[in-house]
Amino acid sequence: MRLSFKIALLAAAMGATALPAAGTGDSTLRSPVLDPGSCAVPLDASKRPEGGAPPVLVDGLGFAGLEPDSRNLQARAWFAQGVRLIYAFDEVEAVRSFRKAQELDPNCALCSFGEAWARGPTINLQPRTDELAAARAAARRAVALAEHLGPRDRELVNAMAIRTSDGPAFSNAAYADFMEAAARRNPGDDTIAVMAADARMVMSRGQMRAGTLAQQLLETVLARSPDHGGAIHYYIHLTDWIDRQDLAEPFADRLGRIAPAASHLVHMPSHTFFGVGRYSDAAQVNVAAIAADGRYERRVRPPASDYRTGLLAHDMHFAIESALAHGDGATALAVADRFAGTFLARGGNGRFRMLGSATWYARGLHGDPAGVVTIAAPSHAAEKVFRHYARGEALARSGDAAAVRAEAAAIAALRAGVSAPSLGPGGTALATVMQHVLEGRAAMLDRDFRRAEAAYRRAMDAQLAARFGMDPPLFWYSVRRSLAAARLARGDARGARAQLTASLEHWPNDPLALYALSLAERRLGHAAEADAALARARAGWAGEVTAVPLTRI
């Protein structure tokens, strides 16, 4: 099955709906509107990894917390690594670790249980029916070897037997029900609690309300075992889904230190950090995750995996967008160059084209303007749109309003031209937002602030209708703040403040929105509020935030 990347879930028809002038009713979500989970990547989940060097033991993969029924020290080490890799969403290497443990101790029941566990559906990989036969065989081996196990370990083996019971697909519902009942029977068992939470989260496919048993189980585990990397990983996903990233923040701060060699766990705190407005930290952990992935590849030389490749692209995209939100052009450009060289220069444009929009944002906002405008035109319509947007942002920095309008017009022509269908829903949504943002930029440069306000409102409406989510967002910033800047420029400080307050609810600690808010508060005579907003803006921006003109907000 091919996993649905977030772009495929955009509305096919982009009907713009006007929002109240007061700025209420912002429907942009920090948690993304996704099918499988908040780390969805453009991949083919049915593509089986092949080849690779023999597996190796690696330090720094995090928490295991589960002991196998083996006295063989090497088998125990491989088993523990398998558990750690499951918690790190590296299922292919987890299977290889469990198989190695089985080689070293063929009578280890939990070593076969672990293989069945690793082959099952996850938040990101569903339905994995191609793994069912192997998972079922491993579960049955575990059952055959389970006579000597204690009650808790028998529960684990029985759970995998239920999950892989006869039928054409994994029995996810029955498995989740069994694990939740097991968690109630074993209230002090962290492994069962985390597995039960994960089982229900797999069933929820990203649609989960606050206060569920899964949330209660994870919070109970973290209260007594705050270094449980698997519990932190799943909790970050869950709090993303319920739009309460603040709940995971204390644990997100720990995760990278717990598992420095597990690139996906190094990356995961960025979901929390971005959601609470710690954009610099979100960029830094993704840069660290990219480096960790490189070290792991050189050390382990794992089999080629479409999934691993997709996660690396996700890390790079996240690093670029987070750096842009922080105003860190150097990091954004460096990662953008690496993304382009890795994913766009060797025929990977189709799978990674939409994520590649971030590379154009970085160029337009922070690249040398003269160099940006001379970049050769790409062949695909979506990338042509992105290039025009980058050129428009670069030209806006140079103050050339007429040239910015020309780039907006070029995007409009692509949206209406013969190649428009190839944009797809995601490309069409992005093109709409980009065109109107550039129209707003040009009008601001011309000091036609009412026209700028109208253009930015069209862009904002299109952005909200697309429901890009915050995983990170497909478009790099909240256009509502530009609408506020236009209102501020024409003297409507009260209306600007309303818009900025609404924007900051969903893009917390956005430094440019905070700076604009400080200007609005000062014009309204609220000196203390203005000073507080400016202090927060300066703390969150890589440069001197007061040097950014309203035409760039």
Protein backbone atom coordinates (compact mmCIF):
# COMPACT_ATOMS: atom_id res chain seq x y z
CA MET A 1 0.00 0.00 0.00
CA ARG A 2 1.28 3.47 -0.75
CA LEU A 3 1.06 5.73 2.30
CA SER A 4 -0.82 8.97 1.81
CA PHE A 5 1.52 11.90 2.15
CA LYS A 6 -0.13 14.97 3.61
CA ILE A 7 -0.38 16.73 0.26
CA ALA A 8 -2.73 14.09 -1.05
CA LEU A 9 -5.18 15.03 1.68
CA LEU A 10 -5.55 18.67 0.67
CA ALA A 11 -8.96 19.78 -0.48
CA ALA A 12 -9.36 19.28 -4.20
CA ALA A 13 -11.36 22.46 -4.57
CA MET A 14 -9.76 25.55 -3.06
CA GLY A 15 -12.84 27.64 -2.41
CA ALA A 16 -11.68 30.70 -0.46
CA THR A 17 -13.88 31.62 2.48
CA ALA A 18 -13.57 35.10 3.93
CA LEU A 19 -12.76 35.28 7.64
CA PRO A 20 -14.06 37.83 10.10
CA ALA A 21 -12.17 41.10 10.11
CA ALA A 22 -11.49 40.69 13.83
CA GLY A 23 -9.26 37.75 13.08
CA THR A 24 -11.21 35.05 14.88
CA GLY A 25 -11.88 31.55 13.65
CA ASP A 26 -8.37 30.64 12.48
CA SER A 27 -8.64 26.99 11.49
CA THR A 28 -4.94 26.38 10.86
CA LEU A 29 -3.92 23.42 12.96
CA ARG A 30 -0.60 22.87 14.68
CA SER A 31 -1.30 19.16 14.40
CA PRO A 32 -1.47 18.18 10.72
CA VAL A 33 -4.46 16.76 8.92
CA LEU A 34 -2.84 13.44 8.03
CA ASP A 35 -3.90 9.92 7.36
CA PRO A 36 -1.33 7.75 9.17
CA GLY A 37 0.59 9.97 11.58
CA SER A 38 2.58 13.09 12.17
CA CYS A 39 5.80 11.85 10.60
CA ALA A 40 4.24 10.90 7.28
CA VAL A 41 6.76 10.89 4.46
CA PRO A 42 6.52 10.36 0.69
CA LEU A 43 7.22 6.67 0.42
CA ASP A 44 6.11 3.35 -0.92
CA ALA A 45 5.50 1.27 2.18
CA SER A 46 5.25 -1.94 0.16
CA LYS A 47 8.80 -1.62 -1.11
CA ARG A 48 10.82 -4.27 0.76
CA PRO A 49 14.41 -3.41 1.68
CA GLU A 50 16.98 -5.76 0.23
CA GLY A 51 20.69 -6.34 0.66
CA GLY A 52 22.80 -4.53 3.21
CA ALA A 53 25.68 -5.60 5.40
CA PRO A 54 25.21 -7.98 8.32
CA PRO A 55 23.60 -6.25 11.32
CA VAL A 56 25.84 -4.75 14.00
CA LEU A 57 25.29 -3.76 17.61
CA VAL A 58 25.11 0.00 18.08
CA ASP A 59 25.34 2.02 21.28
CA GLY A 60 23.12 5.03 21.90
CA LEU A 61 19.79 3.73 20.61
CA GLY A 62 17.90 4.47 23.79
CA PHE A 63 15.67 2.57 26.18
CA ALA A 64 14.70 -1.11 26.02
CA GLY A 65 13.22 -2.11 29.39
CA LEU A 66 12.36 -5.68 28.37
CA GLU A 67 14.40 -8.79 29.12
CA PRO A 68 14.28 -11.92 26.95
CA ASP A 69 14.06 -15.52 28.13
CA SER A 70 17.69 -16.24 27.26
CA ARG A 71 20.89 -16.63 29.22
CA ASN A 72 22.99 -16.08 26.13
CA LEU A 73 24.50 -12.63 26.65
CA GLN A 74 24.85 -11.94 22.94
CA ALA A 75 21.27 -12.99 22.27
CA ARG A 76 20.14 -10.68 25.07
CA ALA A 77 22.09 -7.79 23.56
CA TRP A 78 20.56 -8.32 20.12
CA PHE A 79 17.08 -8.64 21.63
CA ALA A 80 17.49 -5.36 23.54
CA GLN A 81 18.63 -3.65 20.35
CA GLY A 82 15.55 -4.94 18.54
CA VAL A 83 13.29 -3.40 21.18
CA ARG A 84 15.16 -0.10 21.00
CA LEU A 85 14.85 -0.04 17.22
CA ILE A 86 11.09 -0.66 17.40
CA TYR A 87 10.78 2.35 19.67
CA ALA A 88 12.91 4.31 17.17
CA PHE A 89 10.71 3.31 14.18
CA ASP A 90 13.55 1.41 12.51
CA GLU A 91 11.55 -1.75 12.02
CA VAL A 92 13.73 -3.28 9.31
CA GLU A 93 16.82 -3.24 11.50
CA ALA A 94 14.72 -4.39 14.47
CA VAL A 95 13.73 -7.52 12.54
CA ARG A 96 17.37 -8.16 11.69
CA SER A 97 18.33 -7.80 15.36
CA PHE A 98 15.63 -10.21 16.54
CA ARG A 99 16.61 -12.73 13.86
CA LYS A 100 20.22 -12.52 15.05
CA ALA A 101 19.05 -13.16 18.61
CA GLN A 102 17.15 -16.23 17.38
CA GLU A 103 20.28 -17.55 15.68
CA LEU A 104 22.19 -17.24 18.93
CA ASP A 105 19.41 -18.84 21.02
CA PRO A 106 16.84 -20.79 18.97
CA ASN A 107 14.85 -21.56 22.15
CA CYS A 108 14.24 -17.90 23.02
CA ALA A 109 10.48 -17.39 22.77
CA LEU A 110 10.60 -13.63 23.18
CA CYS A 111 13.17 -13.35 20.41
CA SER A 112 10.51 -14.65 18.01
CA PHE A 113 7.87 -12.51 19.70
CA GLY A 114 10.06 -9.49 19.00
CA GLU A 115 10.25 -10.30 15.31
CA ALA A 116 6.45 -10.57 15.10
CA TRP A 117 6.14 -7.26 16.93
CA ALA A 118 8.61 -5.52 14.63
CA ARG A 119 6.81 -6.70 11.49
CA GLY A 120 3.41 -5.34 12.54
CA PRO A 121 1.69 -2.07 11.62
CA THR A 122 2.97 1.18 13.12
CA ILE A 123 1.73 4.75 13.24
CA ASN A 124 3.63 5.47 10.03
CA LEU A 125 3.58 2.10 8.26
CA GLN A 126 0.18 0.61 7.55
CA PRO A 127 -1.27 -1.88 6.78
CA ARG A 128 1.98 -3.89 6.24
CA THR A 129 0.06 -6.91 4.95
CA ASP A 130 3.19 -7.88 3.03
CA GLU A 131 4.76 -8.60 6.44
CA LEU A 132 1.84 -10.62 7.79
CA ALA A 133 3.02 -14.10 6.77
CA ALA A 134 6.46 -13.62 8.30
CA ALA A 135 4.97 -12.01 11.40
CA ARG A 136 2.52 -14.88 11.79
CA ALA A 137 5.29 -17.45 11.47
CA ALA A 138 7.36 -15.66 14.11
CA ALA A 139 4.38 -15.40 16.46
CA ARG A 140 3.68 -19.12 16.11
CA ARG A 141 7.32 -19.93 16.85
CA ALA A 142 7.02 -17.83 19.99
CA VAL A 143 3.86 -19.69 21.06
CA ALA A 144 5.58 -23.04 20.51
CA LEU A 145 8.49 -21.97 22.74
CA ALA A 146 6.44 -20.23 25.42
CA GLU A 147 5.82 -23.10 27.86
CA HIS A 148 8.50 -21.95 30.29
CA LEU A 149 7.54 -18.26 30.28
CA GLY A 150 6.08 -16.38 33.22
CA PRO A 151 2.58 -14.86 33.12
CA ARG A 152 3.64 -11.43 31.86
CA ASP A 153 5.75 -12.78 29.02
CA ARG A 154 2.97 -15.17 28.05
CA GLU A 155 0.71 -12.14 27.71
CA LEU A 156 3.16 -10.65 25.22
CA VAL A 157 3.35 -13.84 23.18
CA ASN A 158 -0.43 -14.22 23.22
CA ALA A 159 -0.79 -10.62 22.06
CA MET A 160 1.27 -11.33 18.94
CA ALA A 161 -0.70 -14.51 18.29
CA ILE A 162 -3.90 -12.45 18.37
CA ARG A 163 -2.47 -9.72 16.17
CA THR A 164 -1.37 -12.27 13.55
CA SER A 165 -4.37 -14.59 13.77
CA ASP A 166 -5.74 -16.23 10.61
CA GLY A 167 -7.07 -13.79 8.09
CA PRO A 168 -5.97 -11.54 5.23
CA ALA A 169 -4.77 -8.67 7.45
CA PHE A 170 -3.37 -7.91 10.88
CA SER A 171 -6.06 -8.09 13.58
CA ASN A 172 -5.38 -4.60 14.86
CA ALA A 173 -8.65 -4.08 16.74
CA ALA A 174 -8.47 -7.37 18.61
CA TYR A 175 -4.82 -6.74 19.41
CA ALA A 176 -5.55 -3.26 20.77
CA ASP A 177 -8.38 -4.57 22.91
CA PHE A 178 -6.18 -7.36 24.27
CA MET A 179 -3.29 -5.01 25.06
CA GLU A 180 -5.53 -2.53 26.86
CA ALA A 181 -6.98 -5.35 28.96
CA ALA A 182 -3.44 -6.56 29.65
CA ALA A 183 -2.45 -3.07 30.75
CA ARG A 184 -5.32 -3.04 33.23
CA ARG A 185 -4.23 -6.46 34.53
CA ASN A 186 -0.62 -5.30 34.83
CA PRO A 187 -0.84 -1.68 35.98
CA GLY A 188 2.84 -1.50 36.91
CA ASP A 189 4.23 -2.85 33.63
CA ASP A 190 5.70 -0.15 31.42
CA THR A 191 6.23 -2.34 28.36
CA ILE A 192 2.63 -3.52 28.26
CA ALA A 193 1.36 0.02 28.87
CA VAL A 194 3.42 1.49 26.01
CA MET A 195 2.47 -1.33 23.65
CA ALA A 196 -1.21 -0.87 24.54
CA ALA A 197 -1.03 2.86 23.86
CA ASP A 198 0.73 2.27 20.55
CA ALA A 199 -1.82 -0.38 19.54
CA ARG A 200 -4.69 2.07 20.00
CA MET A 201 -2.78 4.89 18.29
CA VAL A 202 -2.23 2.66 15.25
CA MET A 203 -5.99 2.17 15.15
CA SER A 204 -6.69 5.89 15.46
CA ARG A 205 -4.63 6.85 12.38
CA GLY A 206 -3.94 10.28 13.81
CA GLN A 207 -7.50 11.08 14.87
CA MET A 208 -7.43 10.94 18.67
CA ARG A 209 -9.11 13.03 21.34
CA ALA A 210 -7.55 14.16 24.60
CA GLY A 211 -8.07 12.02 27.70
CA THR A 212 -7.98 8.61 26.04
CA LEU A 213 -6.63 5.51 27.76
CA ALA A 214 -3.59 5.71 25.46
CA GLN A 215 -2.77 9.16 26.82
CA GLN A 216 -3.31 8.01 30.41
CA LEU A 217 -1.06 4.99 29.93
CA LEU A 218 1.78 6.99 28.41
CA GLU A 219 1.57 9.68 31.08
CA THR A 220 1.63 7.01 33.80
CA VAL A 221 4.73 5.41 32.30
CA LEU A 222 6.52 8.75 31.91
CA ALA A 223 5.73 9.72 35.49
CA ARG A 224 7.65 6.71 36.77
CA SER A 225 10.08 6.16 33.85
CA PRO A 226 10.84 9.59 32.33
CA ASP A 227 13.67 8.16 30.20
CA HIS A 228 11.46 5.61 28.42
CA GLY A 229 12.28 6.65 24.86
CA GLY A 230 9.46 4.64 23.33
CA ALA A 231 6.90 6.27 25.64
CA ILE A 232 8.28 9.73 24.83
CA HIS A 233 8.20 9.00 21.09
CA TYR A 234 4.57 7.91 21.13
CA TYR A 235 3.60 10.71 23.51
CA ILE A 236 5.02 13.32 21.15
CA HIS A 237 2.87 11.87 18.38
CA LEU A 238 -0.21 11.78 20.59
CA THR A 239 0.19 15.34 21.86
CA ASP A 240 0.70 16.46 18.27
CA TRP A 241 -2.63 14.89 17.35
CA ILE A 242 -4.55 16.50 20.22
CA ASP A 243 -2.79 19.85 19.65
CA ARG A 244 -1.23 19.89 23.13
CA GLN A 245 2.46 19.81 22.30
CA ASP A 246 3.18 21.65 25.55
CA LEU A 247 2.43 18.46 27.49
CA ALA A 248 5.33 16.65 25.83
CA GLU A 249 7.84 19.49 26.12
CA PRO A 250 9.63 18.30 29.31
CA PHE A 251 10.11 14.85 27.80
CA ALA A 252 11.03 16.11 24.33
CA ASP A 253 13.95 17.93 25.93
CA ARG A 254 15.29 14.56 27.11
CA LEU A 255 14.81 12.36 24.07
CA GLY A 256 17.84 13.27 21.97
CA ARG A 257 20.14 12.71 24.94
CA ILE A 258 18.55 9.34 25.65
CA ALA A 259 19.04 8.01 22.10
CA PRO A 260 21.73 10.03 20.28
CA ALA A 261 22.33 7.30 17.66
CA ALA A 262 18.65 6.88 16.73
CA SER A 263 18.12 9.61 14.17
CA HIS A 264 14.34 9.44 14.26
CA LEU A 265 14.27 9.85 18.04
CA VAL A 266 16.72 12.75 17.75
CA HIS A 267 14.28 14.30 15.27
CA MET A 268 11.03 13.69 17.18
CA PRO A 269 11.31 16.59 19.67
CA SER A 270 11.07 19.00 16.74
CA HIS A 271 7.36 18.25 16.49
CA THR A 272 6.93 19.45 20.04
CA PHE A 273 9.37 22.35 19.72
CA PHE A 274 7.72 23.66 16.55
CA GLY A 275 4.29 23.31 18.13
CA VAL A 276 5.26 25.44 21.15
CA GLY A 277 7.23 27.97 19.09
CA ARG A 278 10.79 26.87 19.84
CA TYR A 279 11.81 27.18 16.20
CA SER A 280 15.55 27.40 16.76
CA ASP A 281 15.49 24.22 18.83
CA ALA A 282 13.36 22.50 16.18
CA ALA A 283 15.95 23.38 13.53
CA GLN A 284 18.87 22.27 15.70
CA VAL A 285 17.48 18.84 16.55
CA ASN A 286 16.76 18.15 12.88
CA VAL A 287 20.29 19.15 11.92
CA ALA A 288 21.47 16.76 14.64
CA ALA A 289 19.13 14.04 13.33
CA ILE A 290 20.54 14.42 9.82
CA ALA A 291 24.05 14.03 11.21
CA ALA A 292 23.00 11.02 13.32
CA ASP A 293 21.47 9.39 10.25
CA GLY A 294 24.73 9.80 8.37
CA ARG A 295 26.74 8.25 11.20
CA TYR A 296 24.29 5.36 11.45
CA GLU A 297 24.42 4.71 7.71
CA ARG A 298 28.22 4.59 7.78
CA ARG A 299 28.30 2.37 10.87
CA VAL A 300 25.47 -0.04 10.10
CA ARG A 301 25.14 0.11 6.30
CA PRO A 302 21.47 -0.94 6.56
CA PRO A 303 19.52 -2.33 3.61
CA ALA A 304 18.21 0.24 1.16
CA SER A 305 14.86 1.44 2.48
CA ASP A 306 12.33 3.77 0.92
CA TYR A 307 11.05 4.52 4.40
CA ARG A 308 14.46 5.55 5.76
CA THR A 309 14.97 7.78 2.74
CA GLY A 310 11.61 9.44 3.31
CA LEU A 311 12.36 10.10 6.96
CA LEU A 312 15.64 11.78 6.01
CA ALA A 313 13.76 14.04 3.59
CA HIS A 314 11.28 14.82 6.36
CA ASP A 315 14.13 15.78 8.72
CA MET A 316 15.65 18.11 6.13
CA HIS A 317 12.31 19.72 5.30
CA PHE A 318 11.65 20.24 8.99
CA ALA A 319 15.09 21.77 9.53
CA ILE A 320 14.60 24.26 6.68
CA GLU A 321 11.13 25.36 7.78
CA SER A 322 12.15 25.69 11.43
CA ALA A 323 15.23 27.70 10.52
CA LEU A 324 13.09 30.01 8.38
CA ALA A 325 10.70 30.58 11.28
CA HIS A 326 13.71 31.53 13.41
CA GLY A 327 15.22 33.79 10.74
CA ASP A 328 18.31 31.60 10.48
CA GLY A 329 19.10 31.91 6.80
CA ALA A 330 22.48 30.20 7.00
CA THR A 331 21.01 26.96 8.35
CA ALA A 332 18.03 27.10 6.00
CA LEU A 333 20.25 27.55 2.95
CA ALA A 334 22.77 24.88 4.00
CA VAL A 335 20.09 22.23 4.53
CA ALA A 336 18.24 23.36 1.39
CA ASP A 337 21.37 22.78 -0.67
CA ARG A 338 21.75 19.33 0.81
CA PHE A 339 18.09 18.48 0.22
CA ALA A 340 18.32 19.59 -3.40
CA GLY A 341 21.50 17.61 -3.98
CA THR A 342 20.13 14.49 -2.28
CA PHE A 343 16.53 14.40 -3.48
CA LEU A 344 16.01 16.76 -6.40
CA ALA A 345 19.13 16.42 -8.49
CA ARG A 346 18.93 12.70 -9.25
CA GLY A 347 15.45 12.13 -10.57
CA GLY A 348 13.67 12.15 -7.20
CA ASN A 349 11.60 15.21 -8.00
CA GLY A 350 8.32 13.34 -8.23
CA ARG A 351 8.37 11.92 -4.73
CA PHE A 352 9.96 14.90 -3.04
CA ARG A 353 8.77 17.81 -5.16
CA MET A 354 6.37 19.26 -2.60
CA LEU A 355 8.84 19.04 0.27
CA GLY A 356 11.32 20.65 -2.09
CA SER A 357 9.26 23.85 -2.01
CA ALA A 358 11.15 24.64 1.21
CA THR A 359 14.42 24.85 -0.71
CA TRP A 360 12.91 27.63 -2.83
CA TYR A 361 11.67 29.46 0.28
CA ALA A 362 15.20 29.43 1.67
CA ARG A 363 16.65 30.79 -1.57
CA GLY A 364 14.05 33.50 -1.98
CA LEU A 365 14.23 34.70 1.59
CA HIS A 366 17.96 34.38 2.26
CA GLY A 367 19.84 33.69 -0.97
CA ASP A 368 21.69 36.36 -2.92
CA PRO A 369 18.93 38.13 -4.87
CA ALA A 370 21.01 38.42 -8.04
CA GLY A 371 21.73 34.71 -7.94
CA VAL A 372 18.13 33.75 -7.21
CA VAL A 373 16.69 35.56 -10.21
CA THR A 374 19.14 33.83 -12.55
CA ILE A 375 18.29 30.25 -11.49
CA ALA A 376 17.29 28.30 -14.60
CA ALA A 377 13.65 27.39 -14.96
CA PRO A 378 12.83 23.79 -13.95
CA SER A 379 10.68 21.57 -16.11
CA HIS A 380 7.74 20.73 -13.85
CA ALA A 381 4.91 23.21 -13.38
CA ALA A 382 4.99 23.05 -9.55
CA GLU A 383 8.70 23.75 -9.46
CA LYS A 384 8.20 26.62 -11.89
CA VAL A 385 5.70 28.07 -9.42
CA PHE A 386 8.18 27.66 -6.56
CA ARG A 387 10.90 29.35 -8.62
CA HIS A 388 8.66 32.32 -9.39
CA TYR A 389 7.82 32.63 -5.70
CA ALA A 390 11.51 32.54 -4.73
CA ARG A 391 12.31 35.15 -7.37
CA GLY A 392 9.44 37.30 -6.10
CA GLU A 393 10.64 37.18 -2.49
CA ALA A 394 14.20 38.00 -3.59
CA LEU A 395 12.99 40.90 -5.72
CA ALA A 396 10.86 42.17 -2.85
CA ARG A 397 13.99 42.31 -0.73
CA SER A 398 15.49 44.47 -3.48
CA GLY A 399 12.44 46.76 -3.43
CA ASP A 400 11.36 46.16 -7.05
CA ALA A 401 7.55 46.17 -6.83
CA ALA A 402 6.97 45.87 -10.58
CA ALA A 403 9.21 42.83 -10.85
CA VAL A 404 7.47 41.19 -7.86
CA ARG A 405 4.09 41.73 -9.57
CA ALA A 406 5.49 40.09 -12.71
CA GLU A 407 6.42 36.97 -10.73
CA ALA A 408 2.92 36.85 -9.22
CA ALA A 409 1.44 37.15 -12.70
CA ALA A 410 3.65 34.30 -13.91
CA ILE A 411 2.27 32.09 -11.14
CA ALA A 412 -1.28 33.09 -12.08
CA ALA A 413 -0.55 32.10 -15.68
CA LEU A 414 0.72 28.69 -14.60
CA ARG A 415 -2.41 28.15 -12.50
CA ALA A 416 -4.57 28.89 -15.56
CA GLY A 417 -2.40 27.31 -18.23
CA VAL A 418 -2.34 23.94 -19.92
CA SER A 419 0.04 22.51 -17.30
CA ALA A 420 -2.25 23.44 -14.40
CA PRO A 421 -3.60 19.88 -13.89
CA SER A 422 -0.06 18.63 -13.26
CA LEU A 423 0.15 20.86 -10.21
CA GLY A 424 -2.17 18.53 -8.32
CA PRO A 425 -4.16 19.68 -5.30
CA GLY A 426 -1.09 20.44 -3.19
CA GLY A 427 0.65 22.37 -5.94
CA THR A 428 -2.52 24.28 -6.74
CA ALA A 429 -2.99 25.24 -3.10
CA LEU A 430 0.61 26.39 -2.79
CA ALA A 431 0.47 28.30 -6.06
CA THR A 432 -2.64 30.16 -4.89
CA VAL A 433 -1.02 31.19 -1.62
CA MET A 434 2.26 32.15 -3.30
CA GLN A 435 0.64 34.28 -5.98
CA HIS A 436 -1.38 36.34 -3.54
CA VAL A 437 1.52 36.74 -1.10
CA LEU A 438 3.63 38.22 -3.88
CA GLU A 439 0.76 40.49 -4.87
CA GLY A 440 0.67 41.66 -1.27
CA ARG A 441 4.44 42.19 -1.20
CA ALA A 442 4.28 44.34 -4.34
CA ALA A 443 1.38 46.41 -3.00
CA MET A 444 3.22 46.99 0.28
CA LEU A 445 6.26 48.23 -1.63
CA ASP A 446 3.96 50.59 -3.56
CA ARG A 447 2.46 51.74 -0.22
CA ASP A 448 -0.97 50.71 -1.47
CA PHE A 449 -1.85 49.17 1.88
CA ARG A 450 -5.53 48.48 1.21
CA ARG A 451 -4.59 46.57 -1.91
CA ALA A 452 -1.93 44.72 0.08
CA GLU A 453 -4.50 43.85 2.74
CA ALA A 454 -6.86 42.42 0.12
CA ALA A 455 -4.11 40.34 -1.47
CA TYR A 456 -2.89 38.98 1.85
CA ARG A 457 -6.45 38.13 2.87
CA ARG A 458 -6.85 36.08 -0.31
CA ALA A 459 -3.57 34.31 0.46
CA MET A 460 -4.62 33.69 4.05
CA ASP A 461 -7.99 32.32 3.03
CA ALA A 462 -6.31 29.94 0.60
CA GLN A 463 -3.81 28.85 3.25
CA LEU A 464 -6.53 28.14 5.79
CA ALA A 465 -8.70 26.32 3.24
CA ALA A 466 -5.77 24.05 2.37
CA ARG A 467 -5.33 23.00 6.04
CA PHE A 468 -1.64 22.34 5.50
CA GLY A 469 -1.10 21.51 9.17
CA MET A 470 2.11 22.08 11.08
CA ASP A 471 4.20 19.02 10.39
CA PRO A 472 5.84 21.44 9.56
CA PRO A 473 3.55 23.56 7.37
CA LEU A 474 3.76 23.14 3.63
CA PHE A 475 3.81 26.93 3.31
CA TRP A 476 6.47 28.43 5.52
CA TYR A 477 4.67 31.05 7.63
CA SER A 478 1.31 32.34 8.78
CA VAL A 479 0.05 34.73 6.09
CA ARG A 480 -2.29 36.19 8.69
CA ARG A 481 0.69 38.10 10.08
CA SER A 482 1.20 39.78 6.66
CA LEU A 483 -2.46 40.78 6.68
CA ALA A 484 -1.84 42.31 10.11
CA ALA A 485 1.25 44.14 8.79
CA ALA A 486 -0.83 45.68 6.01
CA ARG A 487 -3.47 46.81 8.49
CA LEU A 488 -0.78 48.25 10.72
CA ALA A 489 0.78 50.08 7.77
CA ARG A 490 -2.50 51.80 6.94
CA GLY A 491 -2.99 52.85 10.58
CA ASP A 492 -5.33 50.19 11.93
CA ALA A 493 -3.36 49.11 14.99
CA ARG A 494 -6.38 47.60 16.71
CA GLY A 495 -7.28 45.45 13.71
CA ALA A 496 -3.64 44.43 13.32
CA ARG A 497 -3.48 43.36 16.97
CA ALA A 498 -6.58 41.19 16.53
CA GLN A 499 -5.08 39.44 13.54
CA LEU A 500 -1.72 38.94 15.25
CA THR A 501 -3.31 37.54 18.38
CA ALA A 502 -5.19 34.99 16.27
CA SER A 503 -2.04 34.12 14.33
CA LEU A 504 0.03 33.61 17.49
CA GLU A 505 -2.52 31.17 18.87
CA HIS A 506 -1.55 28.73 16.12
CA TRP A 507 2.02 29.85 15.40
CA PRO A 508 3.16 30.51 18.96
CA ASN A 509 6.22 32.70 19.50
CA ASP A 510 6.45 33.59 15.80
CA PRO A 511 9.11 36.30 16.13
CA LEU A 512 7.91 38.48 13.26
CA ALA A 513 4.31 38.31 14.46
CA LEU A 514 5.50 39.28 17.95
CA TYR A 515 7.49 42.19 16.54
CA ALA A 516 4.46 43.42 14.60
CA LEU A 517 2.38 42.98 17.76
CA SER A 518 4.85 45.16 19.68
CA LEU A 519 4.38 47.90 17.07
CA ALA A 520 0.61 47.63 17.29
CA GLU A 521 0.59 47.70 21.09
CA ARG A 522 2.87 50.73 21.15
CA ARG A 523 0.61 52.63 18.74
CA LEU A 524 -2.31 51.78 21.01
CA GLY A 525 -0.44 53.25 23.97
CA HIS A 526 0.26 49.92 25.67
CA ALA A 527 3.97 50.35 26.45
CA ALA A 528 4.34 47.40 28.82
CA GLU A 529 2.66 45.00 26.40
CA ALA A 530 4.76 46.36 23.55
CA ASP A 531 7.99 45.87 25.48
CA ALA A 532 7.04 42.31 26.43
CA ALA A 533 6.18 41.36 22.85
CA LEU A 534 9.40 42.92 21.54
CA ALA A 535 11.50 41.04 24.11
CA ARG A 536 9.93 37.75 23.02
CA ALA A 537 10.46 38.63 19.35
CA ARG A 538 14.14 39.37 19.91
CA ALA A 539 14.60 36.16 21.86
CA GLY A 540 13.18 34.11 19.01
CA TRP A 541 14.82 35.77 15.99
CA ALA A 542 18.30 34.97 14.73
CA GLY A 543 19.14 38.59 13.84
CA GLU A 544 17.88 42.00 14.89
CA VAL A 545 14.15 41.69 14.45
CA THR A 546 13.55 45.44 14.42
CA ALA A 547 15.50 45.62 11.15
CA VAL A 548 12.71 43.72 9.36
CA PRO A 549 10.36 46.17 7.58
CA LEU A 550 6.60 45.72 7.48
CA THR A 551 6.93 44.92 3.78
CA ARG A 552 8.76 41.68 4.78
CA ILE A 553 6.47 40.55 7.63
